[in-house]
Amino acid sequence: MLVALALLLTGVVFGVTIMACVSDVRSLRIPNLYSIVVIGAFAVAFAAAPESFGKLSAHLLALVLIFLITYIMFVTGLMGGGDAKFGSALALWVGLPGIVSYVFWMTLMGGFIA
């Protein structure tokens, strides 16, 4: 039952990601609420089914790593603040094992949308 909740929340994150993409394309803005929902959904999903995620530290390190990279890109004008925050929030779901693939796809999709 709890794994089903984690899967449902993954679907919520997917929907919020689509909404963020549409918002970014239309107005070059990603509302902070979207990042908050993604982080909150992860917290609930991890609490419900921690065995589905591995170590929490790996997920937190992924968030910090992506935030540091995207913050530098934001400060230098290469990326918007909403993109940096939302990208970091999504990295929380990926964790360290998937971070290289995540950065690849984030770069590819970011270039496509831009």
N, C-alpha and C. Protein backbone atom coordinates (compact mmCIF):
# COMPACT_ATOMS: atom_id res chain seq x y z
N MET A 1 0.82 -1.21 0.00
CA MET A 1 0.00 0.00 0.00
C MET A 1 0.86 1.26 0.00
N LEU A 2 1.91 1.26 0.83
CA LEU A 2 2.77 2.44 0.91
C LEU A 2 3.59 2.63 -0.36
N VAL A 3 3.97 1.52 -0.99
CA VAL A 3 4.68 1.63 -2.27
C VAL A 3 3.75 2.24 -3.32
N ALA A 4 2.47 1.91 -3.25
CA ALA A 4 1.50 2.50 -4.18
C ALA A 4 1.41 4.01 -3.98
N LEU A 5 1.51 4.46 -2.74
CA LEU A 5 1.52 5.90 -2.46
C LEU A 5 2.75 6.56 -3.08
N ALA A 6 3.90 5.90 -2.95
CA ALA A 6 5.12 6.43 -3.56
C ALA A 6 4.98 6.52 -5.07
N LEU A 7 4.36 5.52 -5.68
CA LEU A 7 4.14 5.54 -7.13
C LEU A 7 3.17 6.65 -7.52
N LEU A 8 2.13 6.84 -6.74
CA LEU A 8 1.18 7.92 -7.00
C LEU A 8 1.87 9.28 -6.93
N LEU A 9 2.72 9.45 -5.94
CA LEU A 9 3.45 10.72 -5.80
C LEU A 9 4.43 10.93 -6.95
N THR A 10 4.98 9.84 -7.47
CA THR A 10 5.83 9.95 -8.66
C THR A 10 5.02 10.49 -9.83
N GLY A 11 3.80 10.04 -9.96
CA GLY A 11 2.90 10.57 -10.99
C GLY A 11 2.60 12.04 -10.78
N VAL A 12 2.42 12.44 -9.52
CA VAL A 12 2.19 13.86 -9.21
C VAL A 12 3.40 14.68 -9.65
N VAL A 13 4.59 14.18 -9.36
CA VAL A 13 5.81 14.90 -9.75
C VAL A 13 5.90 15.00 -11.27
N PHE A 14 5.54 13.95 -11.96
CA PHE A 14 5.53 13.99 -13.42
C PHE A 14 4.59 15.09 -13.91
N GLY A 15 3.39 15.15 -13.34
CA GLY A 15 2.43 16.19 -13.73
C GLY A 15 2.93 17.58 -13.43
N VAL A 16 3.54 17.77 -12.27
CA VAL A 16 4.08 19.09 -11.92
C VAL A 16 5.23 19.46 -12.86
N THR A 17 6.00 18.47 -13.27
CA THR A 17 7.10 18.72 -14.21
C THR A 17 6.55 19.20 -15.55
N ILE A 18 5.48 18.60 -16.02
CA ILE A 18 4.84 19.06 -17.26
C ILE A 18 4.33 20.48 -17.08
N MET A 19 3.71 20.77 -15.94
CA MET A 19 3.20 22.12 -15.68
C MET A 19 4.36 23.13 -15.65
N ALA A 20 5.48 22.75 -15.05
CA ALA A 20 6.64 23.64 -14.99
C ALA A 20 7.19 23.91 -16.39
N CYS A 21 7.21 22.88 -17.21
CA CYS A 21 7.69 23.03 -18.59
C CYS A 21 6.80 23.99 -19.37
N VAL A 22 5.51 23.81 -19.26
CA VAL A 22 4.56 24.68 -19.95
C VAL A 22 4.71 26.12 -19.46
N SER A 23 4.80 26.29 -18.15
CA SER A 23 4.95 27.62 -17.58
C SER A 23 6.24 28.28 -18.05
N ASP A 24 7.31 27.51 -18.09
CA ASP A 24 8.61 28.05 -18.51
C ASP A 24 8.59 28.47 -19.98
N VAL A 25 7.96 27.66 -20.81
CA VAL A 25 7.88 28.00 -22.24
C VAL A 25 7.01 29.23 -22.46
N ARG A 26 5.90 29.32 -21.75
CA ARG A 26 4.96 30.44 -21.94
C ARG A 26 5.46 31.75 -21.36
N SER A 27 6.02 31.70 -20.15
CA SER A 27 6.33 32.95 -19.45
C SER A 27 7.76 33.07 -18.96
N LEU A 28 8.61 32.08 -19.27
CA LEU A 28 9.98 32.04 -18.77
C LEU A 28 10.01 32.13 -17.24
N ARG A 29 9.05 31.48 -16.61
CA ARG A 29 8.93 31.51 -15.15
C ARG A 29 8.44 30.15 -14.67
N ILE A 30 9.09 29.65 -13.61
CA ILE A 30 8.64 28.42 -12.95
C ILE A 30 8.30 28.80 -11.52
N PRO A 31 7.03 28.74 -11.15
CA PRO A 31 6.64 29.14 -9.79
C PRO A 31 7.34 28.30 -8.71
N ASN A 32 7.69 28.95 -7.61
CA ASN A 32 8.33 28.25 -6.49
C ASN A 32 7.47 27.11 -5.96
N LEU A 33 6.16 27.26 -6.06
CA LEU A 33 5.26 26.22 -5.57
C LEU A 33 5.55 24.87 -6.21
N TYR A 34 5.94 24.87 -7.47
CA TYR A 34 6.23 23.61 -8.15
C TYR A 34 7.42 22.89 -7.48
N SER A 35 8.45 23.64 -7.15
CA SER A 35 9.61 23.04 -6.47
C SER A 35 9.22 22.54 -5.09
N ILE A 36 8.39 23.29 -4.40
CA ILE A 36 7.94 22.89 -3.07
C ILE A 36 7.14 21.60 -3.14
N VAL A 37 6.27 21.48 -4.13
CA VAL A 37 5.47 20.26 -4.30
C VAL A 37 6.37 19.06 -4.58
N VAL A 38 7.38 19.24 -5.42
CA VAL A 38 8.29 18.15 -5.76
C VAL A 38 9.06 17.68 -4.52
N ILE A 39 9.56 18.62 -3.73
CA ILE A 39 10.30 18.27 -2.51
C ILE A 39 9.36 17.63 -1.48
N GLY A 40 8.18 18.19 -1.32
CA GLY A 40 7.21 17.62 -0.38
C GLY A 40 6.78 16.22 -0.78
N ALA A 41 6.57 16.01 -2.06
CA ALA A 41 6.18 14.68 -2.55
C ALA A 41 7.29 13.68 -2.28
N PHE A 42 8.54 14.11 -2.46
CA PHE A 42 9.66 13.20 -2.17
C PHE A 42 9.68 12.84 -0.69
N ALA A 43 9.49 13.83 0.17
CA ALA A 43 9.52 13.58 1.61
C ALA A 43 8.46 12.55 2.01
N VAL A 44 7.26 12.70 1.48
CA VAL A 44 6.18 11.77 1.81
C VAL A 44 6.47 10.39 1.21
N ALA A 45 6.90 10.36 -0.05
CA ALA A 45 7.19 9.08 -0.71
C ALA A 45 8.32 8.34 -0.01
N PHE A 46 9.36 9.07 0.38
CA PHE A 46 10.48 8.43 1.07
C PHE A 46 10.05 7.90 2.43
N ALA A 47 9.24 8.67 3.14
CA ALA A 47 8.74 8.21 4.44
C ALA A 47 7.85 6.98 4.29
N ALA A 48 7.08 6.93 3.21
CA ALA A 48 6.16 5.82 2.99
C ALA A 48 6.87 4.55 2.53
N ALA A 49 7.89 4.69 1.71
CA ALA A 49 8.55 3.51 1.14
C ALA A 49 10.05 3.75 0.99
N PRO A 50 10.78 3.86 2.10
CA PRO A 50 12.22 4.16 2.01
C PRO A 50 13.01 3.09 1.27
N GLU A 51 12.53 1.86 1.30
CA GLU A 51 13.24 0.78 0.60
C GLU A 51 13.23 0.96 -0.91
N SER A 52 12.34 1.78 -1.42
CA SER A 52 12.25 2.03 -2.86
C SER A 52 13.27 3.06 -3.33
N PHE A 53 13.93 3.73 -2.40
CA PHE A 53 14.79 4.86 -2.77
C PHE A 53 16.27 4.67 -2.47
N GLY A 54 16.64 3.79 -1.61
CA GLY A 54 18.04 3.68 -1.20
C GLY A 54 18.33 4.67 -0.09
N LYS A 55 19.58 5.10 0.01
CA LYS A 55 20.00 5.97 1.11
C LYS A 55 19.51 7.40 0.89
N LEU A 56 18.96 7.97 1.94
CA LEU A 56 18.51 9.36 1.89
C LEU A 56 19.68 10.30 1.61
N SER A 57 20.84 10.00 2.16
CA SER A 57 22.01 10.86 1.95
C SER A 57 22.37 10.99 0.47
N ALA A 58 22.18 9.93 -0.30
CA ALA A 58 22.48 9.98 -1.73
C ALA A 58 21.54 10.94 -2.45
N HIS A 59 20.31 10.99 -2.01
CA HIS A 59 19.33 11.88 -2.62
C HIS A 59 19.59 13.33 -2.22
N LEU A 60 19.93 13.54 -0.96
CA LEU A 60 20.24 14.89 -0.50
C LEU A 60 21.51 15.43 -1.16
N LEU A 61 22.51 14.57 -1.32
CA LEU A 61 23.74 14.99 -2.00
C LEU A 61 23.47 15.35 -3.46
N ALA A 62 22.59 14.62 -4.10
CA ALA A 62 22.23 14.94 -5.49
C ALA A 62 21.59 16.32 -5.56
N LEU A 63 20.69 16.60 -4.63
CA LEU A 63 20.05 17.92 -4.59
C LEU A 63 21.09 19.02 -4.41
N VAL A 64 21.99 18.84 -3.46
CA VAL A 64 23.02 19.85 -3.18
C VAL A 64 23.95 20.03 -4.38
N LEU A 65 24.38 18.93 -4.98
CA LEU A 65 25.28 19.00 -6.13
C LEU A 65 24.64 19.75 -7.29
N ILE A 66 23.43 19.40 -7.63
CA ILE A 66 22.74 20.08 -8.73
C ILE A 66 22.46 21.53 -8.38
N PHE A 67 22.12 21.80 -7.12
CA PHE A 67 21.89 23.19 -6.73
C PHE A 67 23.16 24.02 -6.89
N LEU A 68 24.30 23.49 -6.48
CA LEU A 68 25.56 24.23 -6.62
C LEU A 68 25.87 24.52 -8.09
N ILE A 69 25.70 23.53 -8.93
CA ILE A 69 25.97 23.71 -10.36
C ILE A 69 25.00 24.72 -10.97
N THR A 70 23.72 24.56 -10.68
CA THR A 70 22.73 25.46 -11.29
C THR A 70 22.77 26.85 -10.68
N TYR A 71 23.19 26.96 -9.42
CA TYR A 71 23.34 28.29 -8.82
C TYR A 71 24.43 29.07 -9.53
N ILE A 72 25.54 28.41 -9.82
CA ILE A 72 26.61 29.06 -10.58
C ILE A 72 26.10 29.48 -11.95
N MET A 73 25.33 28.62 -12.58
CA MET A 73 24.76 28.96 -13.89
C MET A 73 23.79 30.13 -13.78
N PHE A 74 23.03 30.20 -12.70
CA PHE A 74 22.10 31.31 -12.48
C PHE A 74 22.86 32.62 -12.28
N VAL A 75 23.88 32.59 -11.44
CA VAL A 75 24.65 33.80 -11.15
C VAL A 75 25.34 34.33 -12.40
N THR A 76 25.76 33.44 -13.28
CA THR A 76 26.44 33.86 -14.50
C THR A 76 25.47 34.15 -15.64
N GLY A 77 24.18 34.01 -15.39
CA GLY A 77 23.18 34.34 -16.39
C GLY A 77 22.89 33.25 -17.40
N LEU A 78 23.37 32.05 -17.15
CA LEU A 78 23.16 30.95 -18.08
C LEU A 78 21.84 30.22 -17.85
N MET A 79 21.22 30.46 -16.69
CA MET A 79 20.00 29.74 -16.33
C MET A 79 19.16 30.62 -15.42
N GLY A 80 17.87 30.46 -15.52
CA GLY A 80 16.97 31.21 -14.65
C GLY A 80 16.92 30.62 -13.25
N GLY A 81 16.50 31.42 -12.29
CA GLY A 81 16.42 30.97 -10.91
C GLY A 81 15.41 29.86 -10.71
N GLY A 82 14.27 29.96 -11.40
CA GLY A 82 13.26 28.91 -11.29
C GLY A 82 13.76 27.59 -11.83
N ASP A 83 14.51 27.65 -12.94
CA ASP A 83 15.10 26.44 -13.51
C ASP A 83 16.07 25.80 -12.52
N ALA A 84 16.88 26.62 -11.86
CA ALA A 84 17.85 26.12 -10.90
C ALA A 84 17.16 25.44 -9.72
N LYS A 85 16.14 26.08 -9.19
CA LYS A 85 15.43 25.52 -8.04
C LYS A 85 14.66 24.25 -8.41
N PHE A 86 13.97 24.29 -9.54
CA PHE A 86 13.18 23.13 -9.94
C PHE A 86 14.09 21.96 -10.31
N GLY A 87 15.17 22.25 -11.01
CA GLY A 87 16.12 21.19 -11.36
C GLY A 87 16.72 20.53 -10.14
N SER A 88 16.99 21.33 -9.12
CA SER A 88 17.53 20.79 -7.87
C SER A 88 16.50 19.93 -7.15
N ALA A 89 15.26 20.38 -7.15
CA ALA A 89 14.20 19.61 -6.51
C ALA A 89 14.02 18.26 -7.20
N LEU A 90 14.07 18.24 -8.51
CA LEU A 90 13.94 16.97 -9.24
C LEU A 90 15.12 16.05 -8.98
N ALA A 91 16.31 16.62 -8.79
CA ALA A 91 17.50 15.81 -8.51
C ALA A 91 17.34 15.02 -7.23
N LEU A 92 16.54 15.54 -6.31
CA LEU A 92 16.26 14.83 -5.06
C LEU A 92 15.64 13.47 -5.35
N TRP A 93 14.79 13.39 -6.34
CA TRP A 93 14.15 12.13 -6.72
C TRP A 93 15.13 11.17 -7.39
N VAL A 94 16.11 11.71 -8.08
CA VAL A 94 17.04 10.89 -8.85
C VAL A 94 18.10 10.24 -7.96
N GLY A 95 18.67 11.00 -7.05
CA GLY A 95 19.74 10.48 -6.21
C GLY A 95 21.06 10.44 -6.96
N LEU A 96 22.13 10.15 -6.24
CA LEU A 96 23.46 10.12 -6.85
C LEU A 96 23.64 9.07 -7.94
N PRO A 97 23.08 7.86 -7.79
CA PRO A 97 23.30 6.86 -8.83
C PRO A 97 22.81 7.29 -10.22
N GLY A 98 21.79 8.12 -10.28
CA GLY A 98 21.25 8.52 -11.57
C GLY A 98 21.61 9.93 -12.00
N ILE A 99 22.56 10.55 -11.30
CA ILE A 99 22.81 11.97 -11.52
C ILE A 99 23.42 12.26 -12.89
N VAL A 100 24.28 11.41 -13.39
CA VAL A 100 24.89 11.66 -14.71
C VAL A 100 23.82 11.61 -15.79
N SER A 101 22.98 10.61 -15.74
CA SER A 101 21.88 10.51 -16.70
C SER A 101 20.94 11.70 -16.57
N TYR A 102 20.66 12.10 -15.33
CA TYR A 102 19.78 13.24 -15.08
C TYR A 102 20.35 14.51 -15.70
N VAL A 103 21.63 14.77 -15.49
CA VAL A 103 22.26 15.98 -16.05
C VAL A 103 22.22 15.93 -17.57
N PHE A 104 22.47 14.77 -18.14
CA PHE A 104 22.41 14.63 -19.60
C PHE A 104 21.03 15.01 -20.12
N TRP A 105 19.99 14.42 -19.54
CA TRP A 105 18.63 14.69 -20.02
C TRP A 105 18.18 16.11 -19.70
N MET A 106 18.59 16.64 -18.56
CA MET A 106 18.24 18.01 -18.21
C MET A 106 18.87 18.98 -19.22
N THR A 107 20.11 18.73 -19.59
CA THR A 107 20.79 19.57 -20.57
C THR A 107 20.13 19.45 -21.94
N LEU A 108 19.83 18.24 -22.34
CA LEU A 108 19.20 18.01 -23.64
C LEU A 108 17.83 18.69 -23.73
N MET A 109 17.00 18.48 -22.72
CA MET A 109 15.66 19.08 -22.72
C MET A 109 15.72 20.60 -22.56
N GLY A 110 16.64 21.08 -21.73
CA GLY A 110 16.80 22.52 -21.57
C GLY A 110 17.20 23.19 -22.87
N GLY A 111 18.09 22.55 -23.60
CA GLY A 111 18.50 23.08 -24.91
C GLY A 111 17.37 23.02 -25.92
N PHE A 112 16.57 21.97 -25.86
CA PHE A 112 15.44 21.83 -26.77
C PHE A 112 14.40 22.91 -26.52
N ILE A 113 14.09 23.14 -25.25
CA ILE A 113 13.07 24.13 -24.89
C ILE A 113 13.55 25.55 -25.15
N ALA A 114 14.84 25.79 -24.88
CA ALA A 114 15.38 27.15 -25.08
C ALA A 114 15.38 27.46 -26.54
